[in-house]
Amino acid sequence: MITAAINHSHDRRQHEKVYLHPLPVRLWHWLNALGFVLLIVTGFQIRYVDLLGLMSFESAVTLHNWVGFAVIANWFLWFVYYLFSEQVTNYHPDLDPKAFFQRYFRQAGYYSWGYFQGEERPHKVQPKDKFNPMQKLTYQFVMFISAPVTFLTGLMMWDVQRFAGLIDMVGGIRVVNTVHVLMFILFVMFIFVHAYMGFLGAKPSSHFKEMFTGYEEEHD
């Protein structure tokens, strides 16, 4: 009887579920992912017209512009949701920079070595603190710097005449285009790394599954 109770308790701990991702976050995540994939594909098509051959140059430009506006609108929805909900605490940095970077490098060591040795992950996820230090720093850079820069440079190239003054201020259309392409390369790299990190859960499918169900299943 006692042994059965212990086994039941252990099994329950092994399959403890934590609700991390509310429905609005999951919807935003997949819409944003779809949007960026379409932007990357159409961006390749625009820059290398004869390489892909998926659609005409004109169709690629039109689709790229419309998807770009949709992604911008989606970003504002994300910003407003996090700003006025309890989820914003997930992005709060530590007040002590020294402690934050100690945890940052501990997390980096876990990803590069500890995970493959079966070590316990250093950051225990919670609904209001689900991002580890590496994620916080990365997502803050991507969402508050890279994404706005990408949107702004895209808008400037979308209507060169309307933004002529701003284009001249930053050094001309060549500079704007170069920055936009650099952001494009950065996002391609981010998507590949993000997808790879998605496999580093309790099971290879765990993190992908939780972005559909909202629940992360923790294993002791």
C-alpha atoms as a PDB file:
ATOM      1  CA  MET A   1       0.000   0.000   0.000  1.00  0.00           C
ATOM      2  CA  ILE A   2       2.757   2.451   0.983  1.00  0.00           C
ATOM      3  CA  THR A   3       4.802   1.500  -2.085  1.00  0.00           C
ATOM      4  CA  ALA A   4       1.800   2.105  -4.361  1.00  0.00           C
ATOM      5  CA  ALA A   5       1.238   5.541  -2.819  1.00  0.00           C
ATOM      6  CA  ILE A   6       4.898   6.449  -3.306  1.00  0.00           C
ATOM      7  CA  ASN A   7       4.812   5.302  -6.929  1.00  0.00           C
ATOM      8  CA  HIS A   8       1.604   7.247  -7.548  1.00  0.00           C
ATOM      9  CA  SER A   9       3.141  10.380  -6.019  1.00  0.00           C
ATOM     10  CA  HIS A  10       6.300   9.972  -8.100  1.00  0.00           C
ATOM     11  CA  ASP A  11       4.292   9.422 -11.279  1.00  0.00           C
ATOM     12  CA  ARG A  12       2.228  12.557 -10.555  1.00  0.00           C
ATOM     13  CA  ARG A  13       5.401  14.640 -10.107  1.00  0.00           C
ATOM     14  CA  GLN A  14       6.800  13.251 -13.335  1.00  0.00           C
ATOM     15  CA  HIS A  15       3.771  14.481 -15.239  1.00  0.00           C
ATOM     16  CA  GLU A  16       3.127  17.771 -13.487  1.00  0.00           C
ATOM     17  CA  LYS A  17       1.721  20.313 -15.934  1.00  0.00           C
ATOM     18  CA  VAL A  18       2.243  24.073 -15.779  1.00  0.00           C
ATOM     19  CA  TYR A  19       0.010  26.412 -17.785  1.00  0.00           C
ATOM     20  CA  LEU A  20       2.557  28.734 -19.398  1.00  0.00           C
ATOM     21  CA  HIS A  21       1.072  30.000 -22.652  1.00  0.00           C
ATOM     22  CA  PRO A  22      -2.435  31.543 -22.668  1.00  0.00           C
ATOM     23  CA  LEU A  23      -4.469  31.275 -25.868  1.00  0.00           C
ATOM     24  CA  PRO A  24      -3.717  34.861 -27.071  1.00  0.00           C
ATOM     25  CA  VAL A  25       0.019  34.178 -26.792  1.00  0.00           C
ATOM     26  CA  ARG A  26      -0.253  30.912 -28.713  1.00  0.00           C
ATOM     27  CA  LEU A  27      -2.344  32.481 -31.479  1.00  0.00           C
ATOM     28  CA  TRP A  28       0.115  35.370 -31.773  1.00  0.00           C
ATOM     29  CA  HIS A  29       3.074  32.984 -31.815  1.00  0.00           C
ATOM     30  CA  TRP A  30       1.838  30.885 -34.736  1.00  0.00           C
ATOM     31  CA  LEU A  31       0.513  33.855 -36.726  1.00  0.00           C
ATOM     32  CA  ASN A  32       3.840  35.594 -36.233  1.00  0.00           C
ATOM     33  CA  ALA A  33       5.757  32.458 -37.230  1.00  0.00           C
ATOM     34  CA  LEU A  34       3.675  32.064 -40.398  1.00  0.00           C
ATOM     35  CA  GLY A  35       4.112  35.750 -41.199  1.00  0.00           C
ATOM     36  CA  PHE A  36       7.882  35.669 -40.862  1.00  0.00           C
ATOM     37  CA  VAL A  37       8.217  32.510 -42.931  1.00  0.00           C
ATOM     38  CA  LEU A  38       6.192  34.158 -45.722  1.00  0.00           C
ATOM     39  CA  LEU A  39       8.290  37.326 -45.434  1.00  0.00           C
ATOM     40  CA  ILE A  40      11.494  35.299 -45.692  1.00  0.00           C
ATOM     41  CA  VAL A  41      10.277  33.322 -48.718  1.00  0.00           C
ATOM     42  CA  THR A  42       8.954  36.374 -50.568  1.00  0.00           C
ATOM     43  CA  GLY A  43      12.073  38.336 -49.595  1.00  0.00           C
ATOM     44  CA  PHE A  44      14.245  35.653 -51.180  1.00  0.00           C
ATOM     45  CA  GLN A  45      12.003  35.698 -54.254  1.00  0.00           C
ATOM     46  CA  ILE A  46      12.279  39.494 -54.568  1.00  0.00           C
ATOM     47  CA  ARG A  47      16.062  39.526 -54.209  1.00  0.00           C
ATOM     48  CA  TYR A  48      16.762  36.378 -56.263  1.00  0.00           C
ATOM     49  CA  VAL A  49      14.070  36.437 -58.911  1.00  0.00           C
ATOM     50  CA  ASP A  50      15.505  33.667 -61.075  1.00  0.00           C
ATOM     51  CA  LEU A  51      16.621  31.405 -58.223  1.00  0.00           C
ATOM     52  CA  LEU A  52      13.351  30.304 -56.622  1.00  0.00           C
ATOM     53  CA  GLY A  53      10.770  30.824 -59.326  1.00  0.00           C
ATOM     54  CA  LEU A  54       7.848  30.413 -56.914  1.00  0.00           C
ATOM     55  CA  MET A  55       5.998  33.464 -58.184  1.00  0.00           C
ATOM     56  CA  SER A  56       6.461  36.559 -60.279  1.00  0.00           C
ATOM     57  CA  PHE A  57       8.429  39.520 -58.954  1.00  0.00           C
ATOM     58  CA  GLU A  58       5.265  41.634 -58.802  1.00  0.00           C
ATOM     59  CA  SER A  59       3.342  38.964 -56.876  1.00  0.00           C
ATOM     60  CA  ALA A  60       6.238  38.534 -54.444  1.00  0.00           C
ATOM     61  CA  VAL A  61       6.387  42.286 -53.781  1.00  0.00           C
ATOM     62  CA  THR A  62       2.619  42.527 -53.258  1.00  0.00           C
ATOM     63  CA  LEU A  63       2.498  39.516 -50.925  1.00  0.00           C
ATOM     64  CA  HIS A  64       5.582  40.726 -49.046  1.00  0.00           C
ATOM     65  CA  ASN A  65       3.985  44.124 -48.429  1.00  0.00           C
ATOM     66  CA  TRP A  66       0.632  42.771 -47.249  1.00  0.00           C
ATOM     67  CA  VAL A  67       2.203  40.162 -44.983  1.00  0.00           C
ATOM     68  CA  GLY A  68       4.529  42.852 -43.642  1.00  0.00           C
ATOM     69  CA  PHE A  69       1.572  45.019 -42.606  1.00  0.00           C
ATOM     70  CA  ALA A  70      -0.093  41.987 -40.995  1.00  0.00           C
ATOM     71  CA  VAL A  71       3.052  41.197 -38.989  1.00  0.00           C
ATOM     72  CA  ILE A  72       3.324  44.834 -37.865  1.00  0.00           C
ATOM     73  CA  ALA A  73      -0.304  44.777 -36.707  1.00  0.00           C
ATOM     74  CA  ASN A  74       0.343  41.469 -34.946  1.00  0.00           C
ATOM     75  CA  TRP A  75       3.356  42.999 -33.183  1.00  0.00           C
ATOM     76  CA  PHE A  76       1.209  45.841 -31.816  1.00  0.00           C
ATOM     77  CA  LEU A  77      -1.378  43.338 -30.583  1.00  0.00           C
ATOM     78  CA  TRP A  78       1.423  41.448 -28.816  1.00  0.00           C
ATOM     79  CA  PHE A  79       2.783  44.664 -27.301  1.00  0.00           C
ATOM     80  CA  VAL A  80      -0.602  45.833 -25.989  1.00  0.00           C
ATOM     81  CA  TYR A  81      -1.435  42.379 -24.605  1.00  0.00           C
ATOM     82  CA  TYR A  82       1.815  42.076 -22.688  1.00  0.00           C
ATOM     83  CA  LEU A  83       1.723  45.689 -21.559  1.00  0.00           C
ATOM     84  CA  PHE A  84      -1.698  45.354 -19.938  1.00  0.00           C
ATOM     85  CA  SER A  85      -1.578  41.765 -18.695  1.00  0.00           C
ATOM     86  CA  GLU A  86       0.283  39.845 -16.018  1.00  0.00           C
ATOM     87  CA  GLN A  87       2.343  38.214 -18.763  1.00  0.00           C
ATOM     88  CA  VAL A  88       4.596  41.276 -18.923  1.00  0.00           C
ATOM     89  CA  THR A  89       6.513  39.962 -15.886  1.00  0.00           C
ATOM     90  CA  ASN A  90       8.048  37.316 -18.158  1.00  0.00           C
ATOM     91  CA  TYR A  91      10.146  40.033 -19.795  1.00  0.00           C
ATOM     92  CA  HIS A  92      11.236  41.783 -16.585  1.00  0.00           C
ATOM     93  CA  PRO A  93      15.024  41.702 -16.178  1.00  0.00           C
ATOM     94  CA  ASP A  94      16.685  41.040 -12.839  1.00  0.00           C
ATOM     95  CA  LEU A  95      17.310  44.144 -10.761  1.00  0.00           C
ATOM     96  CA  ASP A  96      20.796  42.857  -9.965  1.00  0.00           C
ATOM     97  CA  PRO A  97      22.843  42.775 -13.241  1.00  0.00           C
ATOM     98  CA  LYS A  98      25.588  40.643 -11.674  1.00  0.00           C
ATOM     99  CA  ALA A  99      23.115  37.971 -10.557  1.00  0.00           C
ATOM    100  CA  PHE A 100      21.366  38.111 -13.926  1.00  0.00           C
ATOM    101  CA  PHE A 101      24.535  37.413 -15.928  1.00  0.00           C
ATOM    102  CA  GLN A 102      25.618  34.706 -13.502  1.00  0.00           C
ATOM    103  CA  ARG A 103      22.328  32.966 -14.244  1.00  0.00           C
ATOM    104  CA  TYR A 104      22.756  33.787 -17.937  1.00  0.00           C
ATOM    105  CA  PHE A 105      26.091  31.982 -18.216  1.00  0.00           C
ATOM    106  CA  ARG A 106      24.823  29.106 -16.076  1.00  0.00           C
ATOM    107  CA  GLN A 107      21.955  28.705 -18.557  1.00  0.00           C
ATOM    108  CA  ALA A 108      24.390  28.887 -21.485  1.00  0.00           C
ATOM    109  CA  GLY A 109      26.446  26.129 -19.888  1.00  0.00           C
ATOM    110  CA  TYR A 110      23.327  24.019 -19.483  1.00  0.00           C
ATOM    111  CA  TYR A 111      22.373  24.393 -23.156  1.00  0.00           C
ATOM    112  CA  SER A 112      25.886  23.673 -24.428  1.00  0.00           C
ATOM    113  CA  TRP A 113      26.809  20.837 -22.050  1.00  0.00           C
ATOM    114  CA  GLY A 114      24.523  20.171 -19.095  1.00  0.00           C
ATOM    115  CA  TYR A 115      21.433  19.232 -21.120  1.00  0.00           C
ATOM    116  CA  PHE A 116      23.314  16.477 -22.923  1.00  0.00           C
ATOM    117  CA  GLN A 117      24.600  15.155 -19.594  1.00  0.00           C
ATOM    118  CA  GLY A 118      21.097  14.901 -18.152  1.00  0.00           C
ATOM    119  CA  GLU A 119      21.554  17.791 -15.710  1.00  0.00           C
ATOM    120  CA  GLU A 120      18.516  19.553 -14.263  1.00  0.00           C
ATOM    121  CA  ARG A 121      17.807  22.842 -15.996  1.00  0.00           C
ATOM    122  CA  PRO A 122      18.815  25.815 -13.869  1.00  0.00           C
ATOM    123  CA  HIS A 123      15.670  27.885 -14.482  1.00  0.00           C
ATOM    124  CA  LYS A 124      12.371  26.511 -13.201  1.00  0.00           C
ATOM    125  CA  VAL A 125       9.577  27.874 -15.353  1.00  0.00           C
ATOM    126  CA  GLN A 126       6.556  29.572 -13.814  1.00  0.00           C
ATOM    127  CA  PRO A 127       3.538  31.211 -15.474  1.00  0.00           C
ATOM    128  CA  LYS A 128       4.812  34.712 -14.616  1.00  0.00           C
ATOM    129  CA  ASP A 129       8.495  33.906 -15.091  1.00  0.00           C
ATOM    130  CA  LYS A 130       8.719  31.387 -17.916  1.00  0.00           C
ATOM    131  CA  PHE A 131      11.769  32.809 -19.712  1.00  0.00           C
ATOM    132  CA  ASN A 132      15.277  32.001 -18.542  1.00  0.00           C
ATOM    133  CA  PRO A 133      17.935  34.783 -18.660  1.00  0.00           C
ATOM    134  CA  MET A 134      19.089  33.853 -22.180  1.00  0.00           C
ATOM    135  CA  GLN A 135      15.522  33.941 -23.462  1.00  0.00           C
ATOM    136  CA  LYS A 136      14.769  37.259 -21.771  1.00  0.00           C
ATOM    137  CA  LEU A 137      17.790  38.974 -23.300  1.00  0.00           C
ATOM    138  CA  THR A 138      17.214  37.429 -26.725  1.00  0.00           C
ATOM    139  CA  TYR A 139      13.487  38.149 -26.873  1.00  0.00           C
ATOM    140  CA  GLN A 140      13.931  41.707 -25.644  1.00  0.00           C
ATOM    141  CA  PHE A 141      16.479  42.341 -28.407  1.00  0.00           C
ATOM    142  CA  VAL A 142      14.364  40.666 -31.091  1.00  0.00           C
ATOM    143  CA  MET A 143      11.004  42.180 -30.126  1.00  0.00           C
ATOM    144  CA  PHE A 144      12.090  45.671 -29.051  1.00  0.00           C
ATOM    145  CA  ILE A 145      15.026  46.349 -31.383  1.00  0.00           C
ATOM    146  CA  SER A 146      15.236  43.991 -34.366  1.00  0.00           C
ATOM    147  CA  ALA A 147      11.527  43.832 -35.162  1.00  0.00           C
ATOM    148  CA  PRO A 148      10.900  47.627 -35.013  1.00  0.00           C
ATOM    149  CA  VAL A 149      14.026  48.298 -37.119  1.00  0.00           C
ATOM    150  CA  THR A 150      12.846  45.725 -39.666  1.00  0.00           C
ATOM    151  CA  PHE A 151       9.367  47.247 -39.781  1.00  0.00           C
ATOM    152  CA  LEU A 152      10.672  50.815 -40.136  1.00  0.00           C
ATOM    153  CA  THR A 153      13.156  50.029 -42.912  1.00  0.00           C
ATOM    154  CA  GLY A 154      10.497  47.983 -44.689  1.00  0.00           C
ATOM    155  CA  LEU A 155       8.047  50.874 -44.565  1.00  0.00           C
ATOM    156  CA  MET A 156      10.707  53.259 -45.873  1.00  0.00           C
ATOM    157  CA  MET A 157      11.316  51.052 -48.915  1.00  0.00           C
ATOM    158  CA  TRP A 158       7.583  50.459 -49.376  1.00  0.00           C
ATOM    159  CA  ASP A 159       7.015  54.190 -50.044  1.00  0.00           C
ATOM    160  CA  VAL A 160      10.318  55.906 -50.818  1.00  0.00           C
ATOM    161  CA  GLN A 161       8.711  59.258 -51.667  1.00  0.00           C
ATOM    162  CA  ARG A 162       6.674  59.482 -48.468  1.00  0.00           C
ATOM    163  CA  PHE A 163       9.713  58.677 -46.312  1.00  0.00           C
ATOM    164  CA  ALA A 164      12.252  60.546 -48.446  1.00  0.00           C
ATOM    165  CA  GLY A 165      13.244  62.899 -45.623  1.00  0.00           C
ATOM    166  CA  LEU A 166      13.836  60.066 -43.172  1.00  0.00           C
ATOM    167  CA  ILE A 167      15.726  58.049 -45.795  1.00  0.00           C
ATOM    168  CA  ASP A 168      18.068  60.962 -46.474  1.00  0.00           C
ATOM    169  CA  MET A 169      18.526  61.452 -42.721  1.00  0.00           C
ATOM    170  CA  VAL A 170      19.854  57.911 -42.226  1.00  0.00           C
ATOM    171  CA  GLY A 171      22.157  57.974 -45.245  1.00  0.00           C
ATOM    172  CA  GLY A 172      20.089  57.048 -48.294  1.00  0.00           C
ATOM    173  CA  ILE A 173      18.121  54.128 -49.682  1.00  0.00           C
ATOM    174  CA  ARG A 174      21.226  51.916 -49.934  1.00  0.00           C
ATOM    175  CA  VAL A 175      21.751  52.178 -46.182  1.00  0.00           C
ATOM    176  CA  VAL A 176      18.073  51.438 -45.518  1.00  0.00           C
ATOM    177  CA  ASN A 177      18.180  48.396 -47.801  1.00  0.00           C
ATOM    178  CA  THR A 178      21.383  47.110 -46.200  1.00  0.00           C
ATOM    179  CA  VAL A 179      19.943  47.390 -42.685  1.00  0.00           C
ATOM    180  CA  HIS A 180      16.741  45.656 -43.799  1.00  0.00           C
ATOM    181  CA  VAL A 181      18.733  42.765 -45.305  1.00  0.00           C
ATOM    182  CA  LEU A 182      20.857  42.464 -42.150  1.00  0.00           C
ATOM    183  CA  MET A 183      17.678  42.211 -40.074  1.00  0.00           C
ATOM    184  CA  PHE A 184      16.412  39.620 -42.552  1.00  0.00           C
ATOM    185  CA  ILE A 185      19.575  37.525 -42.045  1.00  0.00           C
ATOM    186  CA  LEU A 186      19.264  37.914 -38.280  1.00  0.00           C
ATOM    187  CA  PHE A 187      15.674  36.665 -38.284  1.00  0.00           C
ATOM    188  CA  VAL A 188      16.568  33.677 -40.466  1.00  0.00           C
ATOM    189  CA  MET A 189      19.276  32.743 -37.954  1.00  0.00           C
ATOM    190  CA  PHE A 190      16.878  33.308 -35.058  1.00  0.00           C
ATOM    191  CA  ILE A 191      14.227  31.020 -36.556  1.00  0.00           C
ATOM    192  CA  PHE A 192      16.722  28.179 -37.036  1.00  0.00           C
ATOM    193  CA  VAL A 193      18.116  28.535 -33.505  1.00  0.00           C
ATOM    194  CA  HIS A 194      14.611  28.933 -32.072  1.00  0.00           C
ATOM    195  CA  ALA A 195      13.464  25.745 -33.814  1.00  0.00           C
ATOM    196  CA  TYR A 196      16.556  23.851 -32.617  1.00  0.00           C
ATOM    197  CA  MET A 197      16.063  24.996 -29.012  1.00  0.00           C
ATOM    198  CA  GLY A 198      12.493  23.775 -29.282  1.00  0.00           C
ATOM    199  CA  PHE A 199      13.828  20.208 -29.336  1.00  0.00           C
ATOM    200  CA  LEU A 200      15.593  20.625 -25.970  1.00  0.00           C
ATOM    201  CA  GLY A 201      12.599  19.803 -23.801  1.00  0.00           C
ATOM    202  CA  ALA A 202      11.750  16.800 -21.651  1.00  0.00           C
ATOM    203  CA  LYS A 203      11.060  15.127 -24.992  1.00  0.00           C
ATOM    204  CA  PRO A 204      11.984  16.450 -28.461  1.00  0.00           C
ATOM    205  CA  SER A 205       8.308  17.263 -29.045  1.00  0.00           C
ATOM    206  CA  SER A 206       7.541  18.774 -25.613  1.00  0.00           C
ATOM    207  CA  HIS A 207       8.137  22.455 -26.357  1.00  0.00           C
ATOM    208  CA  PHE A 208       6.343  22.247 -29.716  1.00  0.00           C
ATOM    209  CA  LYS A 209       3.378  20.505 -28.113  1.00  0.00           C
ATOM    210  CA  GLU A 210       3.067  23.139 -25.382  1.00  0.00           C
ATOM    211  CA  MET A 211       2.681  25.895 -27.980  1.00  0.00           C
ATOM    212  CA  PHE A 212      -0.534  24.162 -29.043  1.00  0.00           C
ATOM    213  CA  THR A 213      -1.877  23.095 -25.648  1.00  0.00           C
ATOM    214  CA  GLY A 214      -0.465  25.905 -23.489  1.00  0.00           C
ATOM    215  CA  TYR A 215       0.824  23.408 -20.923  1.00  0.00           C
ATOM    216  CA  GLU A 216       4.396  22.445 -20.285  1.00  0.00           C
ATOM    217  CA  GLU A 217       4.794  18.963 -18.872  1.00  0.00           C
ATOM    218  CA  GLU A 218       7.657  18.852 -16.397  1.00  0.00           C
ATOM    219  CA  HIS A 219       9.608  15.699 -15.613  1.00  0.00           C
ATOM    220  CA  ASP A 220      11.693  15.153 -12.501  1.00  0.00           C
END
